Amino acid sequence: MKKHISACFVLASLSFANCTASLADPVTDADLITLQAAMQSHIDSVLVDGALLGVNAANGNVQEYFPTKAHPKIMTMGEHFVMCSDVVDAAGQKAMANFYIAKDGNRFVVFNTTIGADPVLDKLMQDGKVAMAN
């Protein structure tokens, strides 16, 4: 599974190198690639037997989610960022994982992750507090 995720990261990184005209300032191409790498590193660092673990809000059970595809789009939230990845559960049900990221010096750090419904992100988008960076 990690090899598949890494391959998605490489493909997404290569796609960023060709999209400079559509990027919003002040996010640079280097930032985009570094953000993608930060999300990927975070995912790799928290996998348990190849799965992201999340708590199902409806029943309180811990659920396994397997990353399948990182999204190339990056959203800004003030000075922070939001990135997404597709995931599937053991039954093959698709969901979305959202990663909230902050800049810390020369690196980016994931400070919050949601899997599945994300009413906070929905509200931020509705209120215009999240915008596309690329």
C-alpha atoms as a PDB file:
ATOM      1  CA  MET A   1       0.000   0.000   0.000  1.00  0.00           C
ATOM      2  CA  LYS A   2       2.839   2.439   0.844  1.00  0.00           C
ATOM      3  CA  LYS A   3       4.356   1.949  -2.623  1.00  0.00           C
ATOM      4  CA  HIS A   4       0.994   2.853  -4.190  1.00  0.00           C
ATOM      5  CA  ILE A   5       0.686   5.984  -2.076  1.00  0.00           C
ATOM      6  CA  SER A   6       4.244   7.030  -2.907  1.00  0.00           C
ATOM      7  CA  ALA A   7       3.543   6.568  -6.608  1.00  0.00           C
ATOM      8  CA  CYS A   8       0.501   8.854  -6.285  1.00  0.00           C
ATOM      9  CA  PHE A   9       2.688  11.434  -4.547  1.00  0.00           C
ATOM     10  CA  VAL A  10       5.266  11.371  -7.347  1.00  0.00           C
ATOM     11  CA  LEU A  11       2.584  11.788 -10.003  1.00  0.00           C
ATOM     12  CA  ALA A  12       0.957  14.650  -8.090  1.00  0.00           C
ATOM     13  CA  SER A  13       4.326  16.329  -7.587  1.00  0.00           C
ATOM     14  CA  LEU A  14       5.085  16.141 -11.287  1.00  0.00           C
ATOM     15  CA  SER A  15       1.719  17.679 -12.100  1.00  0.00           C
ATOM     16  CA  PHE A  16       2.523  20.674  -9.857  1.00  0.00           C
ATOM     17  CA  ALA A  17       5.675  21.423 -11.823  1.00  0.00           C
ATOM     18  CA  ASN A  18       3.569  22.235 -14.890  1.00  0.00           C
ATOM     19  CA  CYS A  19       0.869  24.439 -13.330  1.00  0.00           C
ATOM     20  CA  THR A  20       2.680  27.654 -12.425  1.00  0.00           C
ATOM     21  CA  ALA A  21       0.357  29.922 -14.406  1.00  0.00           C
ATOM     22  CA  SER A  22      -2.707  28.866 -12.412  1.00  0.00           C
ATOM     23  CA  LEU A  23      -1.244  29.210  -8.910  1.00  0.00           C
ATOM     24  CA  ALA A  24      -2.493  31.883  -6.576  1.00  0.00           C
ATOM     25  CA  ASP A  25       0.122  33.986  -4.769  1.00  0.00           C
ATOM     26  CA  PRO A  26       1.920  33.604  -2.406  1.00  0.00           C
ATOM     27  CA  VAL A  27       1.989  29.781  -2.647  1.00  0.00           C
ATOM     28  CA  THR A  28       5.045  28.833  -4.696  1.00  0.00           C
ATOM     29  CA  ASP A  29       5.647  25.690  -6.728  1.00  0.00           C
ATOM     30  CA  ALA A  30       8.176  24.643  -4.102  1.00  0.00           C
ATOM     31  CA  ASP A  31       5.548  25.135  -1.375  1.00  0.00           C
ATOM     32  CA  LEU A  32       3.065  23.015  -3.319  1.00  0.00           C
ATOM     33  CA  ILE A  33       5.509  20.153  -3.618  1.00  0.00           C
ATOM     34  CA  THR A  34       6.590  20.519   0.017  1.00  0.00           C
ATOM     35  CA  LEU A  35       2.943  20.538   1.142  1.00  0.00           C
ATOM     36  CA  GLN A  36       2.243  17.364  -0.810  1.00  0.00           C
ATOM     37  CA  ALA A  37       5.346  15.745   0.696  1.00  0.00           C
ATOM     38  CA  ALA A  38       4.277  16.821   4.202  1.00  0.00           C
ATOM     39  CA  MET A  39       0.853  15.263   3.765  1.00  0.00           C
ATOM     40  CA  GLN A  40       2.399  12.060   2.405  1.00  0.00           C
ATOM     41  CA  SER A  41       4.966  11.882   5.206  1.00  0.00           C
ATOM     42  CA  HIS A  42       2.220  12.398   7.761  1.00  0.00           C
ATOM     43  CA  ILE A  43       0.090   9.651   6.245  1.00  0.00           C
ATOM     44  CA  ASP A  44       3.039   7.256   6.174  1.00  0.00           C
ATOM     45  CA  SER A  45       3.925   8.073   9.794  1.00  0.00           C
ATOM     46  CA  VAL A  46       0.466   7.329  11.202  1.00  0.00           C
ATOM     47  CA  LEU A  47      -0.434   4.180   9.268  1.00  0.00           C
ATOM     48  CA  VAL A  48      -1.237   1.161  11.429  1.00  0.00           C
ATOM     49  CA  ASP A  49      -0.874  -2.036   9.409  1.00  0.00           C
ATOM     50  CA  GLY A  50      -1.264   0.066   6.268  1.00  0.00           C
ATOM     51  CA  ALA A  51      -4.409   1.887   7.421  1.00  0.00           C
ATOM     52  CA  LEU A  52      -5.327   5.316   8.708  1.00  0.00           C
ATOM     53  CA  LEU A  53      -7.411   4.879  11.817  1.00  0.00           C
ATOM     54  CA  GLY A  54     -10.437   7.035  12.432  1.00  0.00           C
ATOM     55  CA  VAL A  55     -13.246   7.100  14.948  1.00  0.00           C
ATOM     56  CA  ASN A  56     -16.677   6.602  13.446  1.00  0.00           C
ATOM     57  CA  ALA A  57     -18.735   9.494  14.850  1.00  0.00           C
ATOM     58  CA  ALA A  58     -22.006   7.568  14.541  1.00  0.00           C
ATOM     59  CA  ASN A  59     -21.029   4.488  16.549  1.00  0.00           C
ATOM     60  CA  GLY A  60     -17.713   5.342  18.254  1.00  0.00           C
ATOM     61  CA  ASN A  61     -15.883   2.415  16.667  1.00  0.00           C
ATOM     62  CA  VAL A  62     -12.320   2.711  15.406  1.00  0.00           C
ATOM     63  CA  GLN A  63     -12.363   2.187  11.663  1.00  0.00           C
ATOM     64  CA  GLU A  64      -9.554   1.444   9.211  1.00  0.00           C
ATOM     65  CA  TYR A  65      -9.201   3.539   6.061  1.00  0.00           C
ATOM     66  CA  PHE A  66      -6.727   2.797   3.297  1.00  0.00           C
ATOM     67  CA  PRO A  67      -5.334   5.768   1.327  1.00  0.00           C
ATOM     68  CA  THR A  68      -5.862   5.412  -2.407  1.00  0.00           C
ATOM     69  CA  LYS A  69      -5.237   8.757  -4.117  1.00  0.00           C
ATOM     70  CA  ALA A  70      -3.948  12.137  -2.969  1.00  0.00           C
ATOM     71  CA  HIS A  71      -5.747  15.091  -4.506  1.00  0.00           C
ATOM     72  CA  PRO A  72      -3.508  17.601  -6.308  1.00  0.00           C
ATOM     73  CA  LYS A  73      -5.613  20.576  -5.193  1.00  0.00           C
ATOM     74  CA  ILE A  74      -4.530  22.626  -2.215  1.00  0.00           C
ATOM     75  CA  MET A  75      -6.789  24.995  -0.306  1.00  0.00           C
ATOM     76  CA  THR A  76      -5.703  27.955   1.784  1.00  0.00           C
ATOM     77  CA  MET A  77      -7.319  28.807   5.103  1.00  0.00           C
ATOM     78  CA  GLY A  78      -5.724  32.091   6.102  1.00  0.00           C
ATOM     79  CA  GLU A  79      -2.082  31.214   6.653  1.00  0.00           C
ATOM     80  CA  HIS A  80      -2.908  27.492   6.850  1.00  0.00           C
ATOM     81  CA  PHE A  81      -3.697  24.864   4.216  1.00  0.00           C
ATOM     82  CA  VAL A  82      -6.130  22.019   3.653  1.00  0.00           C
ATOM     83  CA  MET A  83      -5.318  19.024   1.471  1.00  0.00           C
ATOM     84  CA  CYS A  84      -7.336  15.903   0.744  1.00  0.00           C
ATOM     85  CA  SER A  85      -6.867  12.258  -0.094  1.00  0.00           C
ATOM     86  CA  ASP A  86      -9.298   9.569  -1.127  1.00  0.00           C
ATOM     87  CA  VAL A  87      -9.506   6.609   1.234  1.00  0.00           C
ATOM     88  CA  VAL A  88     -11.518   3.383   1.327  1.00  0.00           C
ATOM     89  CA  ASP A  89     -12.590   1.250   4.246  1.00  0.00           C
ATOM     90  CA  ALA A  90     -12.154  -2.535   4.409  1.00  0.00           C
ATOM     91  CA  ALA A  91     -15.486  -2.983   2.615  1.00  0.00           C
ATOM     92  CA  GLY A  92     -14.375  -0.704  -0.240  1.00  0.00           C
ATOM     93  CA  GLN A  93     -16.578   2.240   0.763  1.00  0.00           C
ATOM     94  CA  LYS A  94     -15.016   5.490  -0.414  1.00  0.00           C
ATOM     95  CA  ALA A  95     -14.441   8.436   1.907  1.00  0.00           C
ATOM     96  CA  MET A  96     -12.327  11.578   2.012  1.00  0.00           C
ATOM     97  CA  ALA A  97      -9.521  12.380   4.419  1.00  0.00           C
ATOM     98  CA  ASN A  98      -8.842  16.089   4.981  1.00  0.00           C
ATOM     99  CA  PHE A  99      -5.495  17.226   6.332  1.00  0.00           C
ATOM    100  CA  TYR A 100      -5.126  20.653   7.943  1.00  0.00           C
ATOM    101  CA  ILE A 101      -1.561  21.902   7.614  1.00  0.00           C
ATOM    102  CA  ALA A 102       0.460  24.738   9.173  1.00  0.00           C
ATOM    103  CA  LYS A 103       3.820  26.150   8.162  1.00  0.00           C
ATOM    104  CA  ASP A 104       6.505  25.801  10.836  1.00  0.00           C
ATOM    105  CA  GLY A 105       9.674  27.530   9.643  1.00  0.00           C
ATOM    106  CA  ASN A 106      10.795  25.725   6.505  1.00  0.00           C
ATOM    107  CA  ARG A 107       8.461  22.761   6.944  1.00  0.00           C
ATOM    108  CA  PHE A 108       4.758  22.019   6.935  1.00  0.00           C
ATOM    109  CA  VAL A 109       3.022  20.089   9.722  1.00  0.00           C
ATOM    110  CA  VAL A 110      -0.367  18.352   9.736  1.00  0.00           C
ATOM    111  CA  PHE A 111      -2.211  19.597  12.815  1.00  0.00           C
ATOM    112  CA  ASN A 112      -5.644  18.053  12.263  1.00  0.00           C
ATOM    113  CA  THR A 113      -7.118  15.228  10.200  1.00  0.00           C
ATOM    114  CA  THR A 114     -10.738  14.372   9.520  1.00  0.00           C
ATOM    115  CA  ILE A 115     -11.979  11.292   7.727  1.00  0.00           C
ATOM    116  CA  GLY A 116     -15.444  11.233   6.214  1.00  0.00           C
ATOM    117  CA  ALA A 117     -17.883  14.062   6.855  1.00  0.00           C
ATOM    118  CA  ASP A 118     -16.127  17.313   7.733  1.00  0.00           C
ATOM    119  CA  PRO A 119     -18.723  19.889   8.796  1.00  0.00           C
ATOM    120  CA  VAL A 120     -15.967  22.303   9.876  1.00  0.00           C
ATOM    121  CA  LEU A 121     -14.478  22.396   6.364  1.00  0.00           C
ATOM    122  CA  ASP A 122     -17.961  22.645   4.850  1.00  0.00           C
ATOM    123  CA  LYS A 123     -18.684  25.696   7.040  1.00  0.00           C
ATOM    124  CA  LEU A 124     -15.310  27.304   6.299  1.00  0.00           C
ATOM    125  CA  MET A 125     -15.937  26.905   2.571  1.00  0.00           C
ATOM    126  CA  GLN A 126     -19.495  28.229   2.880  1.00  0.00           C
ATOM    127  CA  ASP A 127     -18.206  31.275   4.784  1.00  0.00           C
ATOM    128  CA  GLY A 128     -15.514  31.925   2.166  1.00  0.00           C
ATOM    129  CA  LYS A 129     -12.694  31.260   4.659  1.00  0.00           C
ATOM    130  CA  VAL A 130     -11.134  28.572   2.445  1.00  0.00           C
ATOM    131  CA  ALA A 131      -9.927  29.252  -1.093  1.00  0.00           C
ATOM    132  CA  MET A 132      -8.175  27.227  -3.768  1.00  0.00           C
ATOM    133  CA  ALA A 133      -4.423  27.824  -3.881  1.00  0.00           C
ATOM    134  CA  ASN A 134      -3.959  26.107  -7.238  1.00  0.00           C
END
